[in-house]
């Protein structure tokens, strides 16, 4: 899975480098989650907390089988 981010007023998405490497607070950014091949959006544009919550759910069910 690929986590991407962008500033709320910018149109271009970038790959997420890590919480400590972005400028400012994560509340100033939108986040989304893509499949590994980047063809399917798993989580639409949302806050960091909501996207990471869904990311953890997907990872849990992927490894619980």
C-alpha atoms as a PDB file:
ATOM      1  CA  UNK A   1       0.000   0.000   0.000  1.00  0.00           C
ATOM      2  CA  UNK A   2       1.119   3.523  -0.773  1.00  0.00           C
ATOM      3  CA  UNK A   3       0.315   6.472   1.468  1.00  0.00           C
ATOM      4  CA  UNK A   4       0.150   9.823  -0.300  1.00  0.00           C
ATOM      5  CA  UNK A   5      -0.352  13.374   0.938  1.00  0.00           C
ATOM      6  CA  UNK A   6      -0.919  16.903  -0.332  1.00  0.00           C
ATOM      7  CA  UNK A   7      -1.539  20.339   1.140  1.00  0.00           C
ATOM      8  CA  UNK A   8      -5.244  21.144   1.289  1.00  0.00           C
ATOM      9  CA  UNK A   9      -4.978  23.880  -1.367  1.00  0.00           C
ATOM     10  CA  UNK A  10      -2.623  22.019  -3.771  1.00  0.00           C
ATOM     11  CA  UNK A  11      -3.756  19.588  -6.484  1.00  0.00           C
ATOM     12  CA  UNK A  12      -0.716  17.277  -6.812  1.00  0.00           C
ATOM     13  CA  UNK A  13      -0.347  14.174  -4.599  1.00  0.00           C
ATOM     14  CA  UNK A  14       3.109  13.129  -3.324  1.00  0.00           C
ATOM     15  CA  UNK A  15       4.329   9.932  -1.659  1.00  0.00           C
ATOM     16  CA  UNK A  16       4.396  10.302   2.113  1.00  0.00           C
ATOM     17  CA  UNK A  17       7.991  10.535   3.425  1.00  0.00           C
ATOM     18  CA  UNK A  18       7.146  10.343   7.141  1.00  0.00           C
ATOM     19  CA  UNK A  19       5.486  12.488   9.767  1.00  0.00           C
ATOM     20  CA  UNK A  20       8.715  14.200  10.834  1.00  0.00           C
ATOM     21  CA  UNK A  21       9.712  15.164   7.252  1.00  0.00           C
ATOM     22  CA  UNK A  22       6.650  17.184   6.235  1.00  0.00           C
ATOM     23  CA  UNK A  23       6.427  20.903   6.910  1.00  0.00           C
ATOM     24  CA  UNK A  24       3.969  22.015   9.572  1.00  0.00           C
ATOM     25  CA  UNK A  25       1.174  20.040  11.149  1.00  0.00           C
ATOM     26  CA  UNK A  26      -0.490  16.975   9.584  1.00  0.00           C
ATOM     27  CA  UNK A  27      -3.860  18.734   9.989  1.00  0.00           C
ATOM     28  CA  UNK A  28      -2.866  21.041   7.101  1.00  0.00           C
ATOM     29  CA  UNK A  29      -2.669  18.073   4.700  1.00  0.00           C
ATOM     30  CA  UNK A  30      -5.006  15.576   3.038  1.00  0.00           C
ATOM     31  CA  UNK A  31      -4.036  11.905   2.865  1.00  0.00           C
ATOM     32  CA  UNK A  32      -5.093   8.906   0.784  1.00  0.00           C
ATOM     33  CA  UNK A  33      -4.152   5.244   0.535  1.00  0.00           C
ATOM     34  CA  UNK A  34      -3.495   3.461  -2.760  1.00  0.00           C
ATOM     35  CA  UNK A  35      -2.942  -0.168  -3.636  1.00  0.00           C
ATOM     36  CA  UNK A  36       0.641  -1.319  -4.215  1.00  0.00           C
ATOM     37  CA  UNK A  37       0.347  -0.980  -8.002  1.00  0.00           C
ATOM     38  CA  UNK A  38      -1.309   2.474  -7.562  1.00  0.00           C
ATOM     39  CA  UNK A  39      -4.330   1.525  -9.679  1.00  0.00           C
ATOM     40  CA  UNK A  40      -6.943   1.397  -6.922  1.00  0.00           C
ATOM     41  CA  UNK A  41      -7.723   3.968  -4.240  1.00  0.00           C
ATOM     42  CA  UNK A  42      -8.278   2.099  -0.970  1.00  0.00           C
ATOM     43  CA  UNK A  43      -9.084   5.175   1.133  1.00  0.00           C
ATOM     44  CA  UNK A  44     -10.314   8.423  -0.397  1.00  0.00           C
ATOM     45  CA  UNK A  45      -8.988  11.842   0.653  1.00  0.00           C
ATOM     46  CA  UNK A  46      -9.293  12.142   4.438  1.00  0.00           C
ATOM     47  CA  UNK A  47      -7.444  13.117   7.611  1.00  0.00           C
ATOM     48  CA  UNK A  48      -4.236  11.393   8.721  1.00  0.00           C
ATOM     49  CA  UNK A  49      -5.922   9.685  11.675  1.00  0.00           C
ATOM     50  CA  UNK A  50      -8.752   8.198   9.594  1.00  0.00           C
ATOM     51  CA  UNK A  51      -6.462   6.989   6.817  1.00  0.00           C
ATOM     52  CA  UNK A  52      -4.051   5.376   9.288  1.00  0.00           C
ATOM     53  CA  UNK A  53      -6.942   3.726  11.154  1.00  0.00           C
ATOM     54  CA  UNK A  54      -8.084   2.083   7.907  1.00  0.00           C
ATOM     55  CA  UNK A  55      -4.470   1.173   7.017  1.00  0.00           C
ATOM     56  CA  UNK A  56      -4.098  -0.685  10.325  1.00  0.00           C
ATOM     57  CA  UNK A  57      -7.413  -2.487   9.751  1.00  0.00           C
ATOM     58  CA  UNK A  58      -6.300  -3.669   6.322  1.00  0.00           C
ATOM     59  CA  UNK A  59      -2.920  -4.829   7.642  1.00  0.00           C
ATOM     60  CA  UNK A  60      -4.537  -6.677  10.564  1.00  0.00           C
ATOM     61  CA  UNK A  61      -6.941  -8.628   8.350  1.00  0.00           C
ATOM     62  CA  UNK A  62      -4.273  -9.303   5.760  1.00  0.00           C
ATOM     63  CA  UNK A  63      -2.072 -11.013   8.360  1.00  0.00           C
ATOM     64  CA  UNK A  64      -4.779 -12.663  10.481  1.00  0.00           C
ATOM     65  CA  UNK A  65      -5.658 -15.374   7.917  1.00  0.00           C
END
